[in-house]
């Protein structure tokens, strides 16, 4: 009976060593997983910070874009107004020039008639 008990004790001790070894392996594995999770956490924090930075930059760019669009619209309206004014000025000058040409032609015609009469 002692032999049987001794054998059981030896078997239990062996099983305890196996379990202790498994426990140590599992403990190392868990520590490794925790390190990887910590690393992922750091990476996630960096990614979040980077995303927030990009979002701030995007907001600034959107604001600047709106400002430049308004400025462009204003400049385009001013350019259209200047073109319209220039067109009116050219028409006015063309009419004045044509009137002078017509007067000069009339003067030349009258002068020619006077010269023919003499």
Foldseek 3Di string as FASTA:
>chain_A
DVVVVVVVVVVVVVVVVVVVVVVVVVVVVVVVVVVVVVVVVVVVVVVVVVVVVVVVVVVVVVVVVVVVVVVVVVVVVVVVVVVVVVVVVVVVVVVVVVVVVVVVVVVVVVVVVVVVVD
